[in-house]
Amino acid sequence: MPPPKRAKPKARFRRRDEREVLRESLEADAESMEFESGQSLSFFRPSVGRRTFRKLARGSFSVQSEVDLHGLTVAEAKTILADFIEASIDHRYRCVRVIHGKGLGSGDRGPILKGKVDTWLRKWDAVLAFVSARQVDGGTGAVYVLLNKN
């Protein structure tokens, strides 16, 4: 008669430990990604279709002009951005890029211009949508802006 089969030993907490390690590793990756990429900006008016917005986010629209606000004060940036948007509308540009930076020089305060650009762009009726740029075009330090073509 063969000896009785023994049950294979199981680590009682193995699954829980594995889930915990997985959760911690995913959180660490998310934190490092956020540190590297910052928070994305995105906005679109109800009149903009999702397909158009996805096209903007993919960088599929030709960027016809851009403005760089790096290193400017809030007051300077607001004036320059307003002039830029107005000139872009006058030239009937459809898509422009606004480079606001990631706020790495702002220290503990975080990105100042980025938040201001987000607020300002939402207020202009001519701005139909905007979204953080692809990494090759500035990533979360820039936005593609879709303007009303009228």
N, C-alpha and C. Protein backbone atom coordinates (compact mmCIF):
# COMPACT_ATOMS: atom_id res chain seq x y z
N MET A 1 0.85 -1.17 0.00
CA MET A 1 0.00 0.00 0.00
C MET A 1 0.90 1.24 0.00
N PRO A 2 0.65 2.16 -0.98
CA PRO A 2 1.49 3.36 -1.05
C PRO A 2 1.17 4.29 0.12
N PRO A 3 2.18 5.08 0.52
CA PRO A 3 1.94 6.02 1.63
C PRO A 3 0.90 7.07 1.20
N PRO A 4 0.12 7.58 2.14
CA PRO A 4 -0.89 8.60 1.80
C PRO A 4 -0.21 9.86 1.25
N LYS A 5 -0.89 10.48 0.27
CA LYS A 5 -0.33 11.70 -0.31
C LYS A 5 -0.48 12.84 0.67
N ARG A 6 0.60 13.55 0.80
CA ARG A 6 0.58 14.72 1.68
C ARG A 6 0.09 15.94 0.91
N ALA A 7 -0.63 16.72 1.57
CA ALA A 7 -1.06 17.98 0.97
C ALA A 7 0.16 18.88 0.85
N LYS A 8 0.22 19.58 -0.29
CA LYS A 8 1.34 20.50 -0.48
C LYS A 8 1.20 21.66 0.49
N PRO A 9 2.31 22.04 1.10
CA PRO A 9 2.22 23.17 2.03
C PRO A 9 1.92 24.46 1.27
N LYS A 10 1.11 25.32 1.87
CA LYS A 10 0.75 26.62 1.28
C LYS A 10 1.13 27.71 2.27
N ALA A 11 1.71 28.73 1.74
CA ALA A 11 1.98 29.89 2.58
C ALA A 11 0.64 30.57 2.84
N ARG A 12 0.28 30.69 4.08
CA ARG A 12 -1.05 31.18 4.43
C ARG A 12 -1.31 32.60 3.92
N PHE A 13 -0.30 33.42 3.90
CA PHE A 13 -0.52 34.82 3.54
C PHE A 13 0.11 35.20 2.20
N ARG A 14 0.46 34.22 1.42
CA ARG A 14 1.18 34.48 0.18
C ARG A 14 0.39 35.39 -0.77
N ARG A 15 -0.86 35.06 -1.01
CA ARG A 15 -1.66 35.88 -1.94
C ARG A 15 -1.81 37.31 -1.44
N ARG A 16 -2.08 37.44 -0.16
CA ARG A 16 -2.22 38.78 0.39
C ARG A 16 -0.90 39.55 0.25
N ASP A 17 0.21 38.88 0.55
CA ASP A 17 1.52 39.53 0.43
C ASP A 17 1.81 39.92 -1.02
N GLU A 18 1.48 39.03 -1.95
CA GLU A 18 1.72 39.34 -3.36
C GLU A 18 0.87 40.52 -3.81
N ARG A 19 -0.39 40.56 -3.38
CA ARG A 19 -1.25 41.70 -3.72
C ARG A 19 -0.68 43.00 -3.14
N GLU A 20 -0.19 42.93 -1.93
CA GLU A 20 0.38 44.11 -1.29
C GLU A 20 1.61 44.61 -2.03
N VAL A 21 2.48 43.69 -2.41
CA VAL A 21 3.69 44.07 -3.16
C VAL A 21 3.30 44.68 -4.50
N LEU A 22 2.32 44.06 -5.18
CA LEU A 22 1.86 44.59 -6.46
C LEU A 22 1.29 46.00 -6.29
N ARG A 23 0.45 46.18 -5.27
CA ARG A 23 -0.14 47.50 -5.02
C ARG A 23 0.94 48.53 -4.77
N GLU A 24 1.92 48.21 -3.93
CA GLU A 24 3.00 49.15 -3.64
C GLU A 24 3.82 49.47 -4.88
N SER A 25 4.08 48.47 -5.70
CA SER A 25 4.88 48.72 -6.90
C SER A 25 4.11 49.60 -7.88
N LEU A 26 2.80 49.39 -7.99
CA LEU A 26 2.00 50.23 -8.88
C LEU A 26 1.92 51.66 -8.37
N GLU A 27 1.79 51.84 -7.07
CA GLU A 27 1.77 53.19 -6.50
C GLU A 27 3.10 53.88 -6.72
N ALA A 28 4.17 53.18 -6.56
CA ALA A 28 5.50 53.77 -6.76
C ALA A 28 5.65 54.22 -8.21
N ASP A 29 5.19 53.39 -9.16
CA ASP A 29 5.28 53.75 -10.57
C ASP A 29 4.43 54.98 -10.86
N ALA A 30 3.23 55.03 -10.29
CA ALA A 30 2.35 56.18 -10.52
C ALA A 30 2.97 57.45 -9.95
N GLU A 31 3.57 57.36 -8.78
CA GLU A 31 4.21 58.54 -8.19
C GLU A 31 5.37 59.02 -9.04
N SER A 32 6.19 58.09 -9.52
CA SER A 32 7.34 58.52 -10.32
C SER A 32 6.87 59.08 -11.66
N MET A 33 5.79 58.51 -12.25
CA MET A 33 5.27 59.04 -13.48
C MET A 33 4.73 60.44 -13.27
N GLU A 34 4.02 60.66 -12.18
CA GLU A 34 3.47 61.99 -11.92
C GLU A 34 4.59 62.99 -11.71
N PHE A 35 5.65 62.58 -11.02
CA PHE A 35 6.78 63.48 -10.80
C PHE A 35 7.43 63.83 -12.12
N GLU A 36 7.56 62.83 -12.99
CA GLU A 36 8.21 63.07 -14.28
C GLU A 36 7.32 63.85 -15.23
N SER A 37 6.05 63.51 -15.26
CA SER A 37 5.21 64.09 -16.29
C SER A 37 4.32 65.22 -15.79
N GLY A 38 4.08 65.30 -14.52
CA GLY A 38 3.18 66.31 -13.99
C GLY A 38 1.74 65.99 -14.34
N GLN A 39 0.86 66.85 -13.96
CA GLN A 39 -0.56 66.65 -14.21
C GLN A 39 -0.92 67.15 -15.60
N SER A 40 -1.67 66.36 -16.33
CA SER A 40 -2.11 66.76 -17.66
C SER A 40 -3.26 67.75 -17.57
N LEU A 41 -3.32 68.63 -18.53
CA LEU A 41 -4.44 69.56 -18.64
C LEU A 41 -5.31 69.11 -19.79
N SER A 42 -6.60 69.23 -19.63
CA SER A 42 -7.50 68.95 -20.75
C SER A 42 -8.83 69.66 -20.51
N PHE A 43 -9.39 70.11 -21.61
CA PHE A 43 -10.67 70.83 -21.57
C PHE A 43 -11.25 70.81 -22.97
N PHE A 44 -12.55 70.63 -23.07
CA PHE A 44 -13.21 70.84 -24.35
C PHE A 44 -14.66 71.25 -24.11
N ARG A 45 -15.13 72.11 -24.98
CA ARG A 45 -16.50 72.58 -24.90
C ARG A 45 -17.43 71.49 -25.43
N PRO A 46 -18.70 71.52 -25.00
CA PRO A 46 -19.66 70.50 -25.47
C PRO A 46 -19.78 70.44 -26.99
N SER A 47 -19.51 71.55 -27.67
CA SER A 47 -19.63 71.58 -29.13
C SER A 47 -18.51 70.82 -29.84
N VAL A 48 -17.46 70.46 -29.10
CA VAL A 48 -16.33 69.73 -29.68
C VAL A 48 -16.57 68.24 -29.51
N GLY A 49 -16.56 67.53 -30.60
CA GLY A 49 -16.78 66.08 -30.54
C GLY A 49 -15.59 65.37 -29.91
N ARG A 50 -15.85 64.21 -29.36
CA ARG A 50 -14.78 63.42 -28.74
C ARG A 50 -13.73 63.00 -29.77
N ARG A 51 -14.17 62.72 -30.98
CA ARG A 51 -13.22 62.34 -32.03
C ARG A 51 -12.25 63.48 -32.31
N THR A 52 -12.76 64.68 -32.39
CA THR A 52 -11.92 65.86 -32.62
C THR A 52 -10.98 66.07 -31.45
N PHE A 53 -11.49 65.89 -30.24
CA PHE A 53 -10.64 66.06 -29.06
C PHE A 53 -9.52 65.02 -29.03
N ARG A 54 -9.84 63.77 -29.35
CA ARG A 54 -8.80 62.72 -29.40
C ARG A 54 -7.75 63.05 -30.46
N LYS A 55 -8.20 63.58 -31.57
CA LYS A 55 -7.28 63.98 -32.64
C LYS A 55 -6.33 65.08 -32.14
N LEU A 56 -6.88 66.03 -31.39
CA LEU A 56 -6.06 67.09 -30.80
C LEU A 56 -5.04 66.51 -29.84
N ALA A 57 -5.49 65.61 -28.97
CA ALA A 57 -4.61 65.00 -27.98
C ALA A 57 -3.50 64.17 -28.62
N ARG A 58 -3.76 63.58 -29.76
CA ARG A 58 -2.74 62.79 -30.46
C ARG A 58 -1.75 63.68 -31.21
N GLY A 59 -2.03 64.97 -31.26
CA GLY A 59 -1.15 65.88 -31.99
C GLY A 59 -1.36 65.81 -33.48
N SER A 60 -2.56 65.44 -33.90
CA SER A 60 -2.86 65.26 -35.33
C SER A 60 -3.13 66.57 -36.07
N PHE A 61 -3.45 67.62 -35.34
CA PHE A 61 -3.64 68.92 -35.98
C PHE A 61 -2.28 69.57 -36.19
N SER A 62 -2.14 70.27 -37.30
CA SER A 62 -0.92 71.00 -37.58
C SER A 62 -0.87 72.23 -36.67
N VAL A 63 0.22 72.36 -35.91
CA VAL A 63 0.39 73.52 -35.03
C VAL A 63 0.86 74.69 -35.90
N GLN A 64 0.05 75.73 -35.97
CA GLN A 64 0.32 76.83 -36.87
C GLN A 64 1.12 77.96 -36.24
N SER A 65 1.17 78.00 -34.93
CA SER A 65 1.97 79.01 -34.23
C SER A 65 2.12 78.57 -32.78
N GLU A 66 3.09 79.17 -32.10
CA GLU A 66 3.27 78.85 -30.68
C GLU A 66 3.80 80.05 -29.93
N VAL A 67 3.57 80.02 -28.62
CA VAL A 67 4.10 81.06 -27.74
C VAL A 67 4.73 80.37 -26.54
N ASP A 68 5.86 80.90 -26.09
CA ASP A 68 6.57 80.34 -24.95
C ASP A 68 6.50 81.32 -23.79
N LEU A 69 5.88 80.89 -22.69
CA LEU A 69 5.69 81.76 -21.54
C LEU A 69 6.69 81.50 -20.41
N HIS A 70 7.67 80.63 -20.66
CA HIS A 70 8.67 80.30 -19.63
C HIS A 70 9.27 81.56 -19.00
N GLY A 71 9.38 81.56 -17.72
CA GLY A 71 10.11 82.61 -17.01
C GLY A 71 9.40 83.94 -16.91
N LEU A 72 8.19 84.03 -17.40
CA LEU A 72 7.46 85.30 -17.32
C LEU A 72 6.72 85.40 -15.99
N THR A 73 6.44 86.62 -15.59
CA THR A 73 5.58 86.82 -14.41
C THR A 73 4.15 86.50 -14.84
N VAL A 74 3.26 86.35 -13.89
CA VAL A 74 1.86 86.06 -14.20
C VAL A 74 1.27 87.19 -15.03
N ALA A 75 1.55 88.43 -14.66
CA ALA A 75 1.01 89.58 -15.40
C ALA A 75 1.53 89.61 -16.84
N GLU A 76 2.83 89.37 -17.02
CA GLU A 76 3.41 89.35 -18.36
C GLU A 76 2.81 88.21 -19.18
N ALA A 77 2.71 87.04 -18.58
CA ALA A 77 2.19 85.87 -19.28
C ALA A 77 0.74 86.09 -19.73
N LYS A 78 -0.06 86.71 -18.87
CA LYS A 78 -1.47 86.94 -19.21
C LYS A 78 -1.59 87.86 -20.41
N THR A 79 -0.82 88.92 -20.42
CA THR A 79 -0.86 89.88 -21.52
C THR A 79 -0.38 89.24 -22.82
N ILE A 80 0.74 88.54 -22.75
CA ILE A 80 1.32 87.91 -23.94
C ILE A 80 0.39 86.82 -24.47
N LEU A 81 -0.19 86.03 -23.58
CA LEU A 81 -1.10 84.97 -24.02
C LEU A 81 -2.35 85.57 -24.66
N ALA A 82 -2.91 86.61 -24.06
CA ALA A 82 -4.10 87.25 -24.63
C ALA A 82 -3.79 87.81 -26.02
N ASP A 83 -2.65 88.48 -26.17
CA ASP A 83 -2.26 89.01 -27.48
C ASP A 83 -2.05 87.88 -28.49
N PHE A 84 -1.44 86.78 -28.04
CA PHE A 84 -1.17 85.64 -28.91
C PHE A 84 -2.47 85.00 -29.39
N ILE A 85 -3.41 84.77 -28.48
CA ILE A 85 -4.68 84.16 -28.85
C ILE A 85 -5.44 85.07 -29.81
N GLU A 86 -5.45 86.37 -29.52
CA GLU A 86 -6.13 87.33 -30.39
C GLU A 86 -5.51 87.34 -31.79
N ALA A 87 -4.19 87.36 -31.87
CA ALA A 87 -3.50 87.35 -33.17
C ALA A 87 -3.75 86.04 -33.91
N SER A 88 -3.79 84.94 -33.16
CA SER A 88 -4.05 83.63 -33.79
C SER A 88 -5.44 83.57 -34.38
N ILE A 89 -6.40 84.18 -33.70
CA ILE A 89 -7.77 84.23 -34.21
C ILE A 89 -7.82 85.11 -35.45
N ASP A 90 -7.14 86.26 -35.40
CA ASP A 90 -7.09 87.16 -36.56
C ASP A 90 -6.48 86.46 -37.78
N HIS A 91 -5.49 85.60 -37.56
CA HIS A 91 -4.84 84.88 -38.65
C HIS A 91 -5.63 83.62 -39.06
N ARG A 92 -6.74 83.38 -38.34
CA ARG A 92 -7.60 82.23 -38.59
C ARG A 92 -6.88 80.90 -38.39
N TYR A 93 -5.99 80.88 -37.40
CA TYR A 93 -5.30 79.63 -37.07
C TYR A 93 -6.29 78.69 -36.38
N ARG A 94 -6.14 77.42 -36.66
CA ARG A 94 -7.03 76.40 -36.09
C ARG A 94 -6.42 75.79 -34.83
N CYS A 95 -5.08 75.57 -34.85
CA CYS A 95 -4.41 74.92 -33.72
C CYS A 95 -3.09 75.63 -33.42
N VAL A 96 -2.89 75.96 -32.16
CA VAL A 96 -1.66 76.60 -31.71
C VAL A 96 -1.14 75.86 -30.47
N ARG A 97 0.12 76.10 -30.15
CA ARG A 97 0.70 75.50 -28.95
C ARG A 97 1.12 76.61 -27.99
N VAL A 98 0.78 76.40 -26.72
CA VAL A 98 1.17 77.32 -25.66
C VAL A 98 2.12 76.57 -24.74
N ILE A 99 3.33 77.07 -24.61
CA ILE A 99 4.33 76.45 -23.74
C ILE A 99 4.32 77.23 -22.43
N HIS A 100 3.89 76.57 -21.37
CA HIS A 100 3.79 77.22 -20.06
C HIS A 100 4.85 76.72 -19.10
N GLY A 101 5.49 75.62 -19.41
CA GLY A 101 6.49 75.03 -18.52
C GLY A 101 5.84 74.12 -17.49
N LYS A 102 6.69 73.40 -16.80
CA LYS A 102 6.21 72.45 -15.80
C LYS A 102 6.31 72.98 -14.38
N GLY A 103 6.83 74.17 -14.24
CA GLY A 103 6.93 74.77 -12.91
C GLY A 103 8.06 74.22 -12.07
N LEU A 104 9.07 73.64 -12.71
CA LEU A 104 10.18 73.06 -11.95
C LEU A 104 10.98 74.12 -11.21
N GLY A 105 10.96 75.35 -11.70
CA GLY A 105 11.65 76.43 -11.03
C GLY A 105 10.82 77.11 -9.94
N SER A 106 9.60 76.65 -9.75
CA SER A 106 8.71 77.27 -8.77
C SER A 106 8.86 76.71 -7.37
N GLY A 107 9.69 75.70 -7.22
CA GLY A 107 9.91 75.12 -5.90
C GLY A 107 8.67 74.47 -5.33
N ASP A 108 8.46 74.67 -4.04
CA ASP A 108 7.34 74.04 -3.33
C ASP A 108 5.98 74.59 -3.77
N ARG A 109 5.98 75.75 -4.38
CA ARG A 109 4.71 76.35 -4.81
C ARG A 109 4.07 75.57 -5.95
N GLY A 110 4.86 74.80 -6.66
CA GLY A 110 4.34 74.07 -7.81
C GLY A 110 4.21 74.98 -9.01
N PRO A 111 3.70 74.44 -10.10
CA PRO A 111 3.59 75.24 -11.33
C PRO A 111 2.55 76.35 -11.20
N ILE A 112 2.98 77.57 -11.37
CA ILE A 112 2.08 78.73 -11.26
C ILE A 112 1.44 79.02 -12.62
N LEU A 113 2.27 79.20 -13.64
CA LEU A 113 1.75 79.56 -14.96
C LEU A 113 0.85 78.48 -15.54
N LYS A 114 1.17 77.25 -15.27
CA LYS A 114 0.37 76.14 -15.79
C LYS A 114 -1.09 76.27 -15.34
N GLY A 115 -1.29 76.51 -14.08
CA GLY A 115 -2.65 76.68 -13.55
C GLY A 115 -3.34 77.91 -14.09
N LYS A 116 -2.57 78.97 -14.24
CA LYS A 116 -3.13 80.22 -14.78
C LYS A 116 -3.54 80.04 -16.24
N VAL A 117 -2.67 79.39 -17.03
CA VAL A 117 -2.99 79.15 -18.44
C VAL A 117 -4.27 78.30 -18.54
N ASP A 118 -4.38 77.30 -17.70
CA ASP A 118 -5.58 76.46 -17.66
C ASP A 118 -6.82 77.32 -17.42
N THR A 119 -6.76 78.20 -16.45
CA THR A 119 -7.89 79.08 -16.12
C THR A 119 -8.19 80.06 -17.24
N TRP A 120 -7.16 80.72 -17.75
CA TRP A 120 -7.36 81.74 -18.79
C TRP A 120 -7.95 81.16 -20.06
N LEU A 121 -7.41 80.03 -20.52
CA LEU A 121 -7.89 79.45 -21.78
C LEU A 121 -9.36 79.06 -21.70
N ARG A 122 -9.81 78.62 -20.55
CA ARG A 122 -11.22 78.22 -20.39
C ARG A 122 -12.16 79.42 -20.53
N LYS A 123 -11.67 80.62 -20.28
CA LYS A 123 -12.52 81.82 -20.29
C LYS A 123 -12.74 82.39 -21.68
N TRP A 124 -11.85 82.09 -22.63
CA TRP A 124 -11.98 82.64 -23.97
C TRP A 124 -12.92 81.78 -24.79
N ASP A 125 -14.00 82.39 -25.31
CA ASP A 125 -14.97 81.65 -26.12
C ASP A 125 -14.35 81.08 -27.38
N ALA A 126 -13.34 81.73 -27.90
CA ALA A 126 -12.69 81.27 -29.13
C ALA A 126 -11.87 79.99 -28.91
N VAL A 127 -11.56 79.68 -27.67
CA VAL A 127 -10.83 78.44 -27.35
C VAL A 127 -11.86 77.32 -27.22
N LEU A 128 -11.82 76.41 -28.19
CA LEU A 128 -12.78 75.30 -28.18
C LEU A 128 -12.31 74.15 -27.30
N ALA A 129 -10.99 73.93 -27.27
CA ALA A 129 -10.44 72.82 -26.51
C ALA A 129 -8.95 73.03 -26.32
N PHE A 130 -8.41 72.37 -25.31
CA PHE A 130 -6.96 72.30 -25.15
C PHE A 130 -6.62 71.04 -24.38
N VAL A 131 -5.40 70.57 -24.61
CA VAL A 131 -4.95 69.34 -23.97
C VAL A 131 -3.42 69.37 -23.89
N SER A 132 -2.87 68.77 -22.85
CA SER A 132 -1.41 68.70 -22.73
C SER A 132 -0.84 68.04 -23.98
N ALA A 133 0.30 68.56 -24.39
CA ALA A 133 0.93 68.12 -25.63
C ALA A 133 1.56 66.73 -25.49
N ARG A 134 1.86 66.13 -26.63
CA ARG A 134 2.62 64.88 -26.64
C ARG A 134 4.02 65.17 -26.09
N GLN A 135 4.68 64.15 -25.61
CA GLN A 135 5.99 64.32 -24.98
C GLN A 135 6.98 65.04 -25.91
N VAL A 136 6.97 64.71 -27.20
CA VAL A 136 7.90 65.32 -28.14
C VAL A 136 7.62 66.80 -28.36
N ASP A 137 6.43 67.26 -28.00
CA ASP A 137 6.06 68.66 -28.17
C ASP A 137 5.99 69.44 -26.86
N GLY A 138 6.57 68.87 -25.80
CA GLY A 138 6.60 69.58 -24.53
C GLY A 138 5.86 68.88 -23.40
N GLY A 139 5.15 67.81 -23.72
CA GLY A 139 4.46 67.05 -22.68
C GLY A 139 3.55 67.92 -21.83
N THR A 140 3.61 67.71 -20.52
CA THR A 140 2.73 68.45 -19.62
C THR A 140 3.23 69.88 -19.37
N GLY A 141 4.25 70.29 -20.10
CA GLY A 141 4.73 71.66 -20.03
C GLY A 141 4.18 72.53 -21.15
N ALA A 142 3.27 71.96 -21.94
CA ALA A 142 2.69 72.70 -23.07
C ALA A 142 1.29 72.16 -23.35
N VAL A 143 0.49 72.96 -24.03
CA VAL A 143 -0.83 72.51 -24.44
C VAL A 143 -1.06 72.81 -25.92
N TYR A 144 -1.78 71.90 -26.58
CA TYR A 144 -2.32 72.19 -27.91
C TYR A 144 -3.65 72.89 -27.66
N VAL A 145 -3.89 73.95 -28.41
CA VAL A 145 -5.13 74.72 -28.25
C VAL A 145 -5.87 74.72 -29.59
N LEU A 146 -7.12 74.28 -29.55
CA LEU A 146 -7.96 74.27 -30.74
C LEU A 146 -8.82 75.54 -30.71
N LEU A 147 -8.71 76.33 -31.77
CA LEU A 147 -9.44 77.60 -31.82
C LEU A 147 -10.63 77.50 -32.77
N ASN A 148 -11.63 78.34 -32.52
CA ASN A 148 -12.79 78.43 -33.38
C ASN A 148 -12.35 78.95 -34.74
N LYS A 149 -12.73 78.28 -35.81
CA LYS A 149 -12.25 78.70 -37.12
C LYS A 149 -13.06 79.83 -37.74
N ASN A 150 -14.08 80.32 -37.05
CA ASN A 150 -14.88 81.44 -37.56
C ASN A 150 -14.20 82.75 -37.31
